Amino acid sequence: MKGVKHYLKDGTEHKGATHKHKDGTLMTGAAMSKSSKTLVHYKDLGKTAKARTDGKSKKSKKPK
């Protein structure tokens, strides 16, 4: 979707060129290459990746 942020599976936002396969898979790079990586929408990220994207630490801080 245009105008929607796309992320690598680790939660890193991708702002570069993309290409889309016939099956709908969106990947990094303008054309397929060995370095192309799958992109997902925020809702499809795992819990840890969402936390990283939201700027939260992986480890919770203990209250003093």
N, C-alpha and C. Protein backbone atom coordinates (compact mmCIF):
# COMPACT_ATOMS: atom_id res chain seq x y z
N MET A 1 0.84 -1.18 0.00
CA MET A 1 0.00 0.00 0.00
C MET A 1 0.88 1.24 0.00
N LYS A 2 0.51 2.19 -0.77
CA LYS A 2 1.26 3.44 -0.79
C LYS A 2 0.83 4.28 0.40
N GLY A 3 1.80 4.96 1.01
CA GLY A 3 1.51 5.80 2.15
C GLY A 3 1.51 5.07 3.48
N VAL A 4 1.70 3.75 3.45
CA VAL A 4 1.75 2.95 4.67
C VAL A 4 3.21 2.58 4.92
N LYS A 5 3.64 2.68 6.17
CA LYS A 5 5.03 2.34 6.50
C LYS A 5 5.25 0.84 6.35
N HIS A 6 6.45 0.49 5.91
CA HIS A 6 6.83 -0.92 5.78
C HIS A 6 8.06 -1.18 6.63
N TYR A 7 8.13 -2.39 7.18
CA TYR A 7 9.18 -2.74 8.12
C TYR A 7 9.84 -4.06 7.75
N LEU A 8 11.13 -4.17 8.11
CA LEU A 8 11.79 -5.46 8.06
C LEU A 8 11.25 -6.26 9.23
N LYS A 9 11.42 -7.56 9.21
CA LYS A 9 10.85 -8.40 10.27
C LYS A 9 11.42 -8.11 11.65
N ASP A 10 12.58 -7.42 11.72
CA ASP A 10 13.16 -7.08 13.02
C ASP A 10 12.61 -5.77 13.58
N GLY A 11 11.71 -5.11 12.84
CA GLY A 11 11.08 -3.88 13.30
C GLY A 11 11.70 -2.61 12.74
N THR A 12 12.75 -2.74 11.93
CA THR A 12 13.40 -1.58 11.32
C THR A 12 12.53 -1.04 10.19
N GLU A 13 12.22 0.26 10.23
CA GLU A 13 11.41 0.86 9.17
C GLU A 13 12.23 0.95 7.89
N HIS A 14 11.62 0.59 6.76
CA HIS A 14 12.28 0.66 5.46
C HIS A 14 11.75 1.87 4.71
N LYS A 15 12.66 2.74 4.26
CA LYS A 15 12.26 3.95 3.55
C LYS A 15 12.76 3.97 2.11
N GLY A 16 13.40 2.92 1.67
CA GLY A 16 13.97 2.88 0.32
C GLY A 16 13.03 2.29 -0.71
N ALA A 17 13.61 1.94 -1.83
CA ALA A 17 12.86 1.38 -2.96
C ALA A 17 12.31 -0.01 -2.61
N THR A 18 11.19 -0.36 -3.24
CA THR A 18 10.58 -1.67 -3.03
C THR A 18 10.13 -2.26 -4.36
N HIS A 19 9.92 -3.56 -4.35
CA HIS A 19 9.30 -4.23 -5.49
C HIS A 19 8.32 -5.26 -4.94
N LYS A 20 7.33 -5.60 -5.76
CA LYS A 20 6.27 -6.51 -5.32
C LYS A 20 6.21 -7.71 -6.26
N HIS A 21 6.10 -8.88 -5.68
CA HIS A 21 5.98 -10.12 -6.45
C HIS A 21 4.53 -10.39 -6.81
N LYS A 22 4.31 -11.28 -7.75
CA LYS A 22 2.95 -11.62 -8.19
C LYS A 22 2.09 -12.14 -7.06
N ASP A 23 2.73 -12.79 -6.07
CA ASP A 23 1.96 -13.33 -4.95
C ASP A 23 1.65 -12.28 -3.88
N GLY A 24 2.10 -11.02 -4.11
CA GLY A 24 1.81 -9.93 -3.20
C GLY A 24 2.91 -9.63 -2.20
N THR A 25 3.96 -10.45 -2.18
CA THR A 25 5.08 -10.22 -1.26
C THR A 25 5.81 -8.95 -1.64
N LEU A 26 5.99 -8.07 -0.66
CA LEU A 26 6.71 -6.82 -0.88
C LEU A 26 8.13 -7.00 -0.35
N MET A 27 9.10 -6.56 -1.14
CA MET A 27 10.51 -6.75 -0.76
C MET A 27 11.31 -5.48 -0.99
N THR A 28 12.46 -5.39 -0.31
CA THR A 28 13.35 -4.25 -0.45
C THR A 28 14.01 -4.26 -1.82
N GLY A 29 14.41 -3.06 -2.28
CA GLY A 29 15.09 -2.92 -3.56
C GLY A 29 14.12 -2.74 -4.71
N ALA A 30 14.55 -2.01 -5.72
CA ALA A 30 13.69 -1.76 -6.88
C ALA A 30 13.47 -3.02 -7.71
N ALA A 31 14.42 -3.95 -7.67
CA ALA A 31 14.32 -5.21 -8.40
C ALA A 31 14.84 -6.33 -7.50
N MET A 32 14.45 -7.56 -7.78
CA MET A 32 14.88 -8.70 -6.99
C MET A 32 16.39 -8.87 -7.06
N SER A 33 17.00 -9.13 -5.91
CA SER A 33 18.42 -9.42 -5.84
C SER A 33 18.67 -10.34 -4.64
N LYS A 34 19.90 -10.81 -4.51
CA LYS A 34 20.25 -11.69 -3.38
C LYS A 34 20.08 -10.97 -2.05
N SER A 35 20.21 -9.65 -2.06
CA SER A 35 20.11 -8.90 -0.81
C SER A 35 18.69 -8.41 -0.49
N SER A 36 17.72 -8.70 -1.35
CA SER A 36 16.33 -8.29 -1.10
C SER A 36 15.79 -8.97 0.15
N LYS A 37 15.04 -8.22 0.96
CA LYS A 37 14.45 -8.76 2.19
C LYS A 37 12.95 -8.50 2.19
N THR A 38 12.21 -9.40 2.80
CA THR A 38 10.76 -9.29 2.88
C THR A 38 10.37 -8.13 3.79
N LEU A 39 9.35 -7.38 3.37
CA LEU A 39 8.81 -6.28 4.16
C LEU A 39 7.41 -6.62 4.63
N VAL A 40 7.05 -6.08 5.80
CA VAL A 40 5.71 -6.33 6.37
C VAL A 40 5.14 -5.02 6.90
N HIS A 41 3.84 -5.02 7.15
CA HIS A 41 3.19 -3.88 7.79
C HIS A 41 3.35 -4.01 9.29
N TYR A 42 3.16 -2.91 10.01
CA TYR A 42 3.31 -2.88 11.46
C TYR A 42 2.49 -3.98 12.14
N LYS A 43 1.25 -4.18 11.70
CA LYS A 43 0.36 -5.16 12.33
C LYS A 43 0.89 -6.58 12.23
N ASP A 44 1.79 -6.83 11.28
CA ASP A 44 2.33 -8.17 11.07
C ASP A 44 3.66 -8.42 11.80
N LEU A 45 4.15 -7.40 12.51
CA LEU A 45 5.39 -7.56 13.27
C LEU A 45 5.14 -8.37 14.54
N GLY A 46 6.18 -9.05 15.00
CA GLY A 46 6.10 -9.76 16.26
C GLY A 46 6.16 -8.79 17.43
N LYS A 47 5.93 -9.29 18.63
CA LYS A 47 5.89 -8.46 19.84
C LYS A 47 7.21 -7.73 20.06
N THR A 48 8.32 -8.42 19.93
CA THR A 48 9.64 -7.82 20.15
C THR A 48 9.93 -6.75 19.10
N ALA A 49 9.60 -7.03 17.85
CA ALA A 49 9.84 -6.06 16.77
C ALA A 49 8.97 -4.81 16.96
N LYS A 50 7.73 -5.00 17.40
CA LYS A 50 6.85 -3.85 17.66
C LYS A 50 7.42 -2.99 18.78
N ALA A 51 7.93 -3.64 19.82
CA ALA A 51 8.52 -2.90 20.94
C ALA A 51 9.72 -2.09 20.46
N ARG A 52 10.54 -2.69 19.61
CA ARG A 52 11.71 -1.99 19.07
C ARG A 52 11.26 -0.80 18.22
N THR A 53 10.23 -0.99 17.43
CA THR A 53 9.70 0.07 16.57
C THR A 53 9.11 1.21 17.39
N ASP A 54 8.46 0.86 18.48
CA ASP A 54 7.84 1.87 19.35
C ASP A 54 8.85 2.58 20.23
N GLY A 55 10.13 2.17 20.16
CA GLY A 55 11.17 2.82 20.94
C GLY A 55 11.27 2.30 22.36
N LYS A 56 10.63 1.19 22.62
CA LYS A 56 10.69 0.61 23.95
C LYS A 56 11.90 -0.31 24.05
N SER A 57 12.42 -0.43 25.23
CA SER A 57 13.56 -1.31 25.48
C SER A 57 13.08 -2.75 25.54
N LYS A 58 13.94 -3.68 25.12
CA LYS A 58 13.60 -5.10 25.23
C LYS A 58 13.54 -5.53 26.69
N LYS A 59 14.37 -4.93 27.53
CA LYS A 59 14.39 -5.28 28.95
C LYS A 59 13.62 -4.22 29.73
N SER A 60 12.75 -4.67 30.60
CA SER A 60 12.00 -3.70 31.41
C SER A 60 12.88 -3.25 32.56
N LYS A 61 12.75 -1.99 32.93
CA LYS A 61 13.52 -1.44 34.03
C LYS A 61 12.76 -1.68 35.33
N LYS A 62 13.50 -2.07 36.36
CA LYS A 62 12.89 -2.31 37.65
C LYS A 62 12.67 -0.96 38.36
N PRO A 63 11.50 -0.77 38.95
CA PRO A 63 11.26 0.49 39.68
C PRO A 63 12.16 0.55 40.91
N LYS A 64 12.56 1.76 41.28
CA LYS A 64 13.44 1.94 42.45
C LYS A 64 12.64 2.12 43.70
